[in-house]
Amino acid sequence: MALFFETGFRLSTPVIGTILLVNIGMGILAKAAPQMNMFVLGMPIKVLILLIMLTIIVEAMTGYNNLIIDLIANNYFNILEGLRYVQ
């Protein structure tokens, strides 16, 4: 069970870090140029950056998917093996 949380954390950490850096950059830009509307400018930038991050993460997920599927199959067969001796 801990492996699933660890995998989710590892996959979400780059996205959260990227959003944090983009928000910090937008905050600095908002202080430097207060007449710019950061909401109108920031949303398309965030969407573009997150789509790029999504393509990177989807490519990285194949290794994690294989690991999780193998773990589930091993646990399933271990449970079946344990049930054989219960009778």
PDB file of N, CA and C in Angstrom:
ATOM      1  N   MET A   1       0.826  -1.190   0.000  1.00  0.00           N
ATOM      2  CA  MET A   1       0.000   0.000   0.000  1.00  0.00           C
ATOM      3  C   MET A   1       0.876   1.261   0.000  1.00  0.00           C
ATOM      4  N   ALA A   2       1.985   1.219   0.710  1.00  0.00           N
ATOM      5  CA  ALA A   2       2.861   2.389   0.769  1.00  0.00           C
ATOM      6  C   ALA A   2       3.469   2.693  -0.592  1.00  0.00           C
ATOM      7  N   LEU A   3       3.646   1.661  -1.408  1.00  0.00           N
ATOM      8  CA  LEU A   3       4.215   1.878  -2.737  1.00  0.00           C
ATOM      9  C   LEU A   3       3.313   2.745  -3.598  1.00  0.00           C
ATOM     10  N   PHE A   4       1.999   2.592  -3.448  1.00  0.00           N
ATOM     11  CA  PHE A   4       1.067   3.403  -4.228  1.00  0.00           C
ATOM     12  C   PHE A   4       1.141   4.873  -3.828  1.00  0.00           C
ATOM     13  N   PHE A   5       1.245   5.142  -2.526  1.00  0.00           N
ATOM     14  CA  PHE A   5       1.383   6.527  -2.064  1.00  0.00           C
ATOM     15  C   PHE A   5       2.714   7.116  -2.505  1.00  0.00           C
ATOM     16  N   GLU A   6       3.769   6.309  -2.421  1.00  0.00           N
ATOM     17  CA  GLU A   6       5.083   6.790  -2.848  1.00  0.00           C
ATOM     18  C   GLU A   6       5.097   7.092  -4.338  1.00  0.00           C
ATOM     19  N   THR A   7       4.486   6.236  -5.135  1.00  0.00           N
ATOM     20  CA  THR A   7       4.426   6.453  -6.571  1.00  0.00           C
ATOM     21  C   THR A   7       3.612   7.705  -6.906  1.00  0.00           C
ATOM     22  N   GLY A   8       2.477   7.871  -6.245  1.00  0.00           N
ATOM     23  CA  GLY A   8       1.674   9.077  -6.460  1.00  0.00           C
ATOM     24  C   GLY A   8       2.419  10.339  -6.069  1.00  0.00           C
ATOM     25  N   PHE A   9       3.157  10.267  -4.969  1.00  0.00           N
ATOM     26  CA  PHE A   9       3.937  11.427  -4.526  1.00  0.00           C
ATOM     27  C   PHE A   9       5.052  11.733  -5.519  1.00  0.00           C
ATOM     28  N   ARG A  10       5.725  10.689  -6.004  1.00  0.00           N
ATOM     29  CA  ARG A  10       6.808  10.910  -6.967  1.00  0.00           C
ATOM     30  C   ARG A  10       6.296  11.475  -8.288  1.00  0.00           C
ATOM     31  N   LEU A  11       5.105  11.072  -8.691  1.00  0.00           N
ATOM     32  CA  LEU A  11       4.554  11.590  -9.941  1.00  0.00           C
ATOM     33  C   LEU A  11       4.006  13.008  -9.789  1.00  0.00           C
ATOM     34  N   SER A  12       3.511  13.350  -8.608  1.00  0.00           N
ATOM     35  CA  SER A  12       2.910  14.674  -8.435  1.00  0.00           C
ATOM     36  C   SER A  12       3.908  15.742  -8.010  1.00  0.00           C
ATOM     37  N   THR A  13       5.041  15.354  -7.458  1.00  0.00           N
ATOM     38  CA  THR A  13       6.015  16.332  -6.965  1.00  0.00           C
ATOM     39  C   THR A  13       6.520  17.279  -8.060  1.00  0.00           C
ATOM     40  N   PRO A  14       6.904  16.794  -9.251  1.00  0.00           N
ATOM     41  CA  PRO A  14       7.349  17.752 -10.282  1.00  0.00           C
ATOM     42  C   PRO A  14       6.266  18.739 -10.692  1.00  0.00           C
ATOM     43  N   VAL A  15       5.025  18.288 -10.749  1.00  0.00           N
ATOM     44  CA  VAL A  15       3.924  19.179 -11.142  1.00  0.00           C
ATOM     45  C   VAL A  15       3.717  20.251 -10.078  1.00  0.00           C
ATOM     46  N   ILE A  16       3.695  19.849  -8.825  1.00  0.00           N
ATOM     47  CA  ILE A  16       3.492  20.809  -7.735  1.00  0.00           C
ATOM     48  C   ILE A  16       4.654  21.797  -7.675  1.00  0.00           C
ATOM     49  N   GLY A  17       5.876  21.282  -7.849  1.00  0.00           N
ATOM     50  CA  GLY A  17       7.044  22.174  -7.855  1.00  0.00           C
ATOM     51  C   GLY A  17       7.013  23.154  -9.012  1.00  0.00           C
ATOM     52  N   THR A  18       6.595  22.694 -10.173  1.00  0.00           N
ATOM     53  CA  THR A  18       6.509  23.574 -11.341  1.00  0.00           C
ATOM     54  C   THR A  18       5.451  24.652 -11.141  1.00  0.00           C
ATOM     55  N   ILE A  19       4.301  24.268 -10.613  1.00  0.00           N
ATOM     56  CA  ILE A  19       3.247  25.259 -10.350  1.00  0.00           C
ATOM     57  C   ILE A  19       3.724  26.290  -9.333  1.00  0.00           C
ATOM     58  N   LEU A  20       4.452  25.827  -8.319  1.00  0.00           N
ATOM     59  CA  LEU A  20       4.987  26.753  -7.319  1.00  0.00           C
ATOM     60  C   LEU A  20       5.953  27.745  -7.955  1.00  0.00           C
ATOM     61  N   LEU A  21       6.857  27.253  -8.801  1.00  0.00           N
ATOM     62  CA  LEU A  21       7.812  28.155  -9.461  1.00  0.00           C
ATOM     63  C   LEU A  21       7.115  29.129 -10.404  1.00  0.00           C
ATOM     64  N   VAL A  22       6.099  28.673 -11.120  1.00  0.00           N
ATOM     65  CA  VAL A  22       5.358  29.573 -12.016  1.00  0.00           C
ATOM     66  C   VAL A  22       4.632  30.641 -11.206  1.00  0.00           C
ATOM     67  N   ASN A  23       4.034  30.257 -10.080  1.00  0.00           N
ATOM     68  CA  ASN A  23       3.344  31.246  -9.243  1.00  0.00           C
ATOM     69  C   ASN A  23       4.316  32.249  -8.642  1.00  0.00           C
ATOM     70  N   ILE A  24       5.491  31.796  -8.248  1.00  0.00           N
ATOM     71  CA  ILE A  24       6.505  32.724  -7.721  1.00  0.00           C
ATOM     72  C   ILE A  24       6.933  33.697  -8.818  1.00  0.00           C
ATOM     73  N   GLY A  25       7.154  33.175 -10.031  1.00  0.00           N
ATOM     74  CA  GLY A  25       7.520  34.049 -11.152  1.00  0.00           C
ATOM     75  C   GLY A  25       6.426  35.051 -11.478  1.00  0.00           C
ATOM     76  N   MET A  26       5.178  34.616 -11.434  1.00  0.00           N
ATOM     77  CA  MET A  26       4.070  35.536 -11.692  1.00  0.00           C
ATOM     78  C   MET A  26       3.957  36.586 -10.587  1.00  0.00           C
ATOM     79  N   GLY A  27       4.233  36.202  -9.370  1.00  0.00           N
ATOM     80  CA  GLY A  27       4.200  37.170  -8.267  1.00  0.00           C
ATOM     81  C   GLY A  27       5.275  38.232  -8.409  1.00  0.00           C
ATOM     82  N   ILE A  28       6.470  37.797  -8.808  1.00  0.00           N
ATOM     83  CA  ILE A  28       7.558  38.758  -9.031  1.00  0.00           C
ATOM     84  C   ILE A  28       7.213  39.672 -10.195  1.00  0.00           C
ATOM     85  N   LEU A  29       6.654  39.104 -11.256  1.00  0.00           N
ATOM     86  CA  LEU A  29       6.257  39.911 -12.408  1.00  0.00           C
ATOM     87  C   LEU A  29       5.136  40.880 -12.047  1.00  0.00           C
ATOM     88  N   ALA A  30       4.227  40.462 -11.191  1.00  0.00           N
ATOM     89  CA  ALA A  30       3.132  41.343 -10.774  1.00  0.00           C
ATOM     90  C   ALA A  30       3.652  42.513  -9.953  1.00  0.00           C
ATOM     91  N   LYS A  31       4.684  42.268  -9.147  1.00  0.00           N
ATOM     92  CA  LYS A  31       5.276  43.375  -8.379  1.00  0.00           C
ATOM     93  C   LYS A  31       6.059  44.322  -9.276  1.00  0.00           C
ATOM     94  N   ALA A  32       6.723  43.756 -10.293  1.00  0.00           N
ATOM     95  CA  ALA A  32       7.533  44.588 -11.190  1.00  0.00           C
ATOM     96  C   ALA A  32       6.666  45.411 -12.133  1.00  0.00           C
ATOM     97  N   ALA A  33       5.567  44.840 -12.583  1.00  0.00           N
ATOM     98  CA  ALA A  33       4.687  45.540 -13.521  1.00  0.00           C
ATOM     99  C   ALA A  33       3.249  45.409 -13.019  1.00  0.00           C
ATOM    100  N   PRO A  34       2.844  46.234 -12.057  1.00  0.00           N
ATOM    101  CA  PRO A  34       1.508  46.090 -11.469  1.00  0.00           C
ATOM    102  C   PRO A  34       0.360  46.392 -12.430  1.00  0.00           C
ATOM    103  N   GLN A  35       0.632  47.070 -13.534  1.00  0.00           N
ATOM    104  CA  GLN A  35      -0.453  47.386 -14.463  1.00  0.00           C
ATOM    105  C   GLN A  35      -0.847  46.181 -15.320  1.00  0.00           C
ATOM    106  N   MET A  36      -0.026  45.116 -15.324  1.00  0.00           N
ATOM    107  CA  MET A  36      -0.360  43.914 -16.096  1.00  0.00           C
ATOM    108  C   MET A  36      -1.357  43.059 -15.317  1.00  0.00           C
ATOM    109  N   ASN A  37      -2.306  42.489 -16.021  1.00  0.00           N
ATOM    110  CA  ASN A  37      -3.282  41.616 -15.398  1.00  0.00           C
ATOM    111  C   ASN A  37      -2.707  40.199 -15.356  1.00  0.00           C
ATOM    112  N   MET A  38      -2.256  39.777 -14.193  1.00  0.00           N
ATOM    113  CA  MET A  38      -1.581  38.488 -14.059  1.00  0.00           C
ATOM    114  C   MET A  38      -2.535  37.305 -14.221  1.00  0.00           C
ATOM    115  N   PHE A  39      -3.802  37.485 -13.916  1.00  0.00           N
ATOM    116  CA  PHE A  39      -4.741  36.383 -14.083  1.00  0.00           C
ATOM    117  C   PHE A  39      -4.915  36.055 -15.562  1.00  0.00           C
ATOM    118  N   VAL A  40      -5.061  37.080 -16.378  1.00  0.00           N
ATOM    119  CA  VAL A  40      -5.246  36.869 -17.817  1.00  0.00           C
ATOM    120  C   VAL A  40      -3.969  36.330 -18.441  1.00  0.00           C
ATOM    121  N   LEU A  41      -2.837  36.794 -17.988  1.00  0.00           N
ATOM    122  CA  LEU A  41      -1.560  36.352 -18.537  1.00  0.00           C
ATOM    123  C   LEU A  41      -1.126  35.008 -17.944  1.00  0.00           C
ATOM    124  N   GLY A  42      -1.410  34.791 -16.672  1.00  0.00           N
ATOM    125  CA  GLY A  42      -0.903  33.618 -15.976  1.00  0.00           C
ATOM    126  C   GLY A  42      -1.605  32.324 -16.323  1.00  0.00           C
ATOM    127  N   MET A  43      -2.895  32.374 -16.562  1.00  0.00           N
ATOM    128  CA  MET A  43      -3.633  31.138 -16.824  1.00  0.00           C
ATOM    129  C   MET A  43      -3.165  30.431 -18.103  1.00  0.00           C
ATOM    130  N   PRO A  44      -3.015  31.113 -19.235  1.00  0.00           N
ATOM    131  CA  PRO A  44      -2.517  30.398 -20.425  1.00  0.00           C
ATOM    132  C   PRO A  44      -1.098  29.868 -20.239  1.00  0.00           C
ATOM    133  N   ILE A  45      -0.274  30.604 -19.516  1.00  0.00           N
ATOM    134  CA  ILE A  45       1.089  30.140 -19.264  1.00  0.00           C
ATOM    135  C   ILE A  45       1.064  28.879 -18.404  1.00  0.00           C
ATOM    136  N   LYS A  46       0.241  28.869 -17.369  1.00  0.00           N
ATOM    137  CA  LYS A  46       0.133  27.685 -16.513  1.00  0.00           C
ATOM    138  C   LYS A  46      -0.396  26.485 -17.291  1.00  0.00           C
ATOM    139  N   VAL A  47      -1.399  26.699 -18.128  1.00  0.00           N
ATOM    140  CA  VAL A  47      -1.963  25.610 -18.919  1.00  0.00           C
ATOM    141  C   VAL A  47      -0.911  25.046 -19.865  1.00  0.00           C
ATOM    142  N   LEU A  48      -0.155  25.898 -20.516  1.00  0.00           N
ATOM    143  CA  LEU A  48       0.887  25.451 -21.436  1.00  0.00           C
ATOM    144  C   LEU A  48       1.971  24.662 -20.704  1.00  0.00           C
ATOM    145  N   ILE A  49       2.427  25.176 -19.585  1.00  0.00           N
ATOM    146  CA  ILE A  49       3.476  24.498 -18.816  1.00  0.00           C
ATOM    147  C   ILE A  49       2.968  23.170 -18.272  1.00  0.00           C
ATOM    148  N   LEU A  50       1.727  23.133 -17.789  1.00  0.00           N
ATOM    149  CA  LEU A  50       1.191  21.885 -17.254  1.00  0.00           C
ATOM    150  C   LEU A  50       0.952  20.846 -18.350  1.00  0.00           C
ATOM    151  N   LEU A  51       0.600  21.262 -19.560  1.00  0.00           N
ATOM    152  CA  LEU A  51       0.476  20.307 -20.665  1.00  0.00           C
ATOM    153  C   LEU A  51       1.832  19.711 -21.023  1.00  0.00           C
ATOM    154  N   ILE A  52       2.863  20.524 -20.987  1.00  0.00           N
ATOM    155  CA  ILE A  52       4.215  20.013 -21.230  1.00  0.00           C
ATOM    156  C   ILE A  52       4.608  19.026 -20.139  1.00  0.00           C
ATOM    157  N   MET A  53       4.310  19.373 -18.876  1.00  0.00           N
ATOM    158  CA  MET A  53       4.608  18.467 -17.765  1.00  0.00           C
ATOM    159  C   MET A  53       3.811  17.173 -17.882  1.00  0.00           C
ATOM    160  N   LEU A  54       2.578  17.259 -18.344  1.00  0.00           N
ATOM    161  CA  LEU A  54       1.747  16.069 -18.505  1.00  0.00           C
ATOM    162  C   LEU A  54       2.346  15.105 -19.517  1.00  0.00           C
ATOM    163  N   THR A  55       2.850  15.622 -20.634  1.00  0.00           N
ATOM    164  CA  THR A  55       3.466  14.742 -21.623  1.00  0.00           C
ATOM    165  C   THR A  55       4.717  14.081 -21.062  1.00  0.00           C
ATOM    166  N   ILE A  56       5.481  14.788 -20.270  1.00  0.00           N
ATOM    167  CA  ILE A  56       6.680  14.206 -19.661  1.00  0.00           C
ATOM    168  C   ILE A  56       6.296  13.127 -18.653  1.00  0.00           C
ATOM    169  N   ILE A  57       5.287  13.388 -17.845  1.00  0.00           N
ATOM    170  CA  ILE A  57       4.893  12.441 -16.806  1.00  0.00           C
ATOM    171  C   ILE A  57       4.251  11.195 -17.403  1.00  0.00           C
ATOM    172  N   VAL A  58       3.478  11.351 -18.465  1.00  0.00           N
ATOM    173  CA  VAL A  58       2.854  10.186 -19.102  1.00  0.00           C
ATOM    174  C   VAL A  58       3.929   9.246 -19.645  1.00  0.00           C
ATOM    175  N   GLU A  59       4.999   9.809 -20.177  1.00  0.00           N
ATOM    176  CA  GLU A  59       6.099   8.973 -20.649  1.00  0.00           C
ATOM    177  C   GLU A  59       6.781   8.254 -19.492  1.00  0.00           C
ATOM    178  N   ALA A  60       6.873   8.900 -18.337  1.00  0.00           N
ATOM    179  CA  ALA A  60       7.528   8.291 -17.178  1.00  0.00           C
ATOM    180  C   ALA A  60       6.631   7.288 -16.470  1.00  0.00           C
ATOM    181  N   MET A  61       5.330   7.359 -16.682  1.00  0.00           N
ATOM    182  CA  MET A  61       4.394   6.491 -15.969  1.00  0.00           C
ATOM    183  C   MET A  61       4.452   5.038 -16.419  1.00  0.00           C
ATOM    184  N   THR A  62       4.964   4.749 -17.591  1.00  0.00           N
ATOM    185  CA  THR A  62       4.970   3.366 -18.066  1.00  0.00           C
ATOM    186  C   THR A  62       5.784   2.472 -17.144  1.00  0.00           C
ATOM    187  N   GLY A  63       6.917   2.945 -16.667  1.00  0.00           N
ATOM    188  CA  GLY A  63       7.712   2.160 -15.737  1.00  0.00           C
ATOM    189  C   GLY A  63       6.988   1.938 -14.423  1.00  0.00           C
ATOM    190  N   TYR A  64       6.324   2.957 -13.922  1.00  0.00           N
ATOM    191  CA  TYR A  64       5.566   2.821 -12.681  1.00  0.00           C
ATOM    192  C   TYR A  64       4.363   1.891 -12.867  1.00  0.00           C
ATOM    193  N   ASN A  65       3.713   1.968 -14.009  1.00  0.00           N
ATOM    194  CA  ASN A  65       2.571   1.090 -14.257  1.00  0.00           C
ATOM    195  C   ASN A  65       2.987  -0.371 -14.256  1.00  0.00           C
ATOM    196  N   ASN A  66       4.099  -0.673 -14.909  1.00  0.00           N
ATOM    197  CA  ASN A  66       4.580  -2.058 -14.919  1.00  0.00           C
ATOM    198  C   ASN A  66       4.923  -2.522 -13.508  1.00  0.00           C
ATOM    199  N   LEU A  67       5.532  -1.655 -12.724  1.00  0.00           N
ATOM    200  CA  LEU A  67       5.882  -1.998 -11.347  1.00  0.00           C
ATOM    201  C   LEU A  67       4.634  -2.273 -10.510  1.00  0.00           C
ATOM    202  N   ILE A  68       3.627  -1.433 -10.642  1.00  0.00           N
ATOM    203  CA  ILE A  68       2.397  -1.594  -9.860  1.00  0.00           C
ATOM    204  C   ILE A  68       1.632  -2.848 -10.295  1.00  0.00           C
ATOM    205  N   ILE A  69       1.564  -3.104 -11.591  1.00  0.00           N
ATOM    206  CA  ILE A  69       0.858  -4.298 -12.072  1.00  0.00           C
ATOM    207  C   ILE A  69       1.556  -5.565 -11.582  1.00  0.00           C
ATOM    208  N   ASP A  70       2.880  -5.589 -11.612  1.00  0.00           N
ATOM    209  CA  ASP A  70       3.612  -6.746 -11.091  1.00  0.00           C
ATOM    210  C   ASP A  70       3.373  -6.922  -9.602  1.00  0.00           C
ATOM    211  N   LEU A  71       3.351  -5.827  -8.861  1.00  0.00           N
ATOM    212  CA  LEU A  71       3.116  -5.904  -7.416  1.00  0.00           C
ATOM    213  C   LEU A  71       1.718  -6.432  -7.117  1.00  0.00           C
ATOM    214  N   ILE A  72       0.717  -5.961  -7.849  1.00  0.00           N
ATOM    215  CA  ILE A  72      -0.653  -6.434  -7.640  1.00  0.00           C
ATOM    216  C   ILE A  72      -0.761  -7.922  -7.972  1.00  0.00           C
ATOM    217  N   ALA A  73      -0.145  -8.352  -9.064  1.00  0.00           N
ATOM    218  CA  ALA A  73      -0.194  -9.763  -9.446  1.00  0.00           C
ATOM    219  C   ALA A  73       0.494 -10.626  -8.394  1.00  0.00           C
ATOM    220  N   ASN A  74       1.648 -10.193  -7.880  1.00  0.00           N
ATOM    221  CA  ASN A  74       2.344 -10.961  -6.850  1.00  0.00           C
ATOM    222  C   ASN A  74       1.518 -11.048  -5.575  1.00  0.00           C
ATOM    223  N   ASN A  75       0.902  -9.947  -5.168  1.00  0.00           N
ATOM    224  CA  ASN A  75       0.066  -9.976  -3.966  1.00  0.00           C
ATOM    225  C   ASN A  75      -1.145 -10.886  -4.154  1.00  0.00           C
ATOM    226  N   TYR A  76      -1.735 -10.839  -5.327  1.00  0.00           N
ATOM    227  CA  TYR A  76      -2.905 -11.683  -5.608  1.00  0.00           C
ATOM    228  C   TYR A  76      -2.531 -13.160  -5.519  1.00  0.00           C
ATOM    229  N   PHE A  77      -1.412 -13.532  -6.137  1.00  0.00           N
ATOM    230  CA  PHE A  77      -1.002 -14.936  -6.105  1.00  0.00           C
ATOM    231  C   PHE A  77      -0.556 -15.363  -4.714  1.00  0.00           C
ATOM    232  N   ASN A  78       0.019 -14.459  -3.934  1.00  0.00           N
ATOM    233  CA  ASN A  78       0.373 -14.784  -2.550  1.00  0.00           C
ATOM    234  C   ASN A  78      -0.884 -15.033  -1.715  1.00  0.00           C
ATOM    235  N   ILE A  79      -1.917 -14.252  -1.940  1.00  0.00           N
ATOM    236  CA  ILE A  79      -3.179 -14.457  -1.218  1.00  0.00           C
ATOM    237  C   ILE A  79      -3.786 -15.801  -1.601  1.00  0.00           C
ATOM    238  N   LEU A  80      -3.792 -16.113  -2.888  1.00  0.00           N
ATOM    239  CA  LEU A  80      -4.326 -17.406  -3.324  1.00  0.00           C
ATOM    240  C   LEU A  80      -3.515 -18.566  -2.753  1.00  0.00           C
ATOM    241  N   GLU A  81      -2.202 -18.396  -2.702  1.00  0.00           N
ATOM    242  CA  GLU A  81      -1.355 -19.443  -2.126  1.00  0.00           C
ATOM    243  C   GLU A  81      -1.637 -19.624  -0.642  1.00  0.00           C
ATOM    244  N   GLY A  82      -1.867 -18.534   0.058  1.00  0.00           N
ATOM    245  CA  GLY A  82      -2.193 -18.610   1.478  1.00  0.00           C
ATOM    246  C   GLY A  82      -3.572 -19.223   1.724  1.00  0.00           C
ATOM    247  N   LEU A  83      -4.512 -19.016   0.830  1.00  0.00           N
ATOM    248  CA  LEU A  83      -5.844 -19.590   0.990  1.00  0.00           C
ATOM    249  C   LEU A  83      -5.857 -21.100   0.767  1.00  0.00           C
ATOM    250  N   ARG A  84      -4.884 -21.601   0.039  1.00  0.00           N
ATOM    251  CA  ARG A  84      -4.840 -23.022  -0.233  1.00  0.00           C
ATOM    252  C   ARG A  84      -4.616 -23.823   1.061  1.00  0.00           C
ATOM    253  N   TYR A  85      -3.853 -23.277   1.985  1.00  0.00           N
ATOM    254  CA  TYR A  85      -3.523 -23.997   3.217  1.00  0.00           C
ATOM    255  C   TYR A  85      -4.499 -23.739   4.343  1.00  0.00           C
ATOM    256  N   VAL A  86      -5.455 -22.857   4.160  1.00  0.00           N
ATOM    257  CA  VAL A  86      -6.407 -22.507   5.217  1.00  0.00           C
ATOM    258  C   VAL A  86      -7.387 -23.640   5.460  1.00  0.00           C
ATOM    259  N   GLN A  87      -7.753 -24.371   4.464  1.00  0.00           N
ATOM    260  CA  GLN A  87      -8.779 -25.399   4.574  1.00  0.00           C
ATOM    261  C   GLN A  87      -8.340 -26.370   5.588  1.00  0.00           C
TER     262      GLN A  87
END
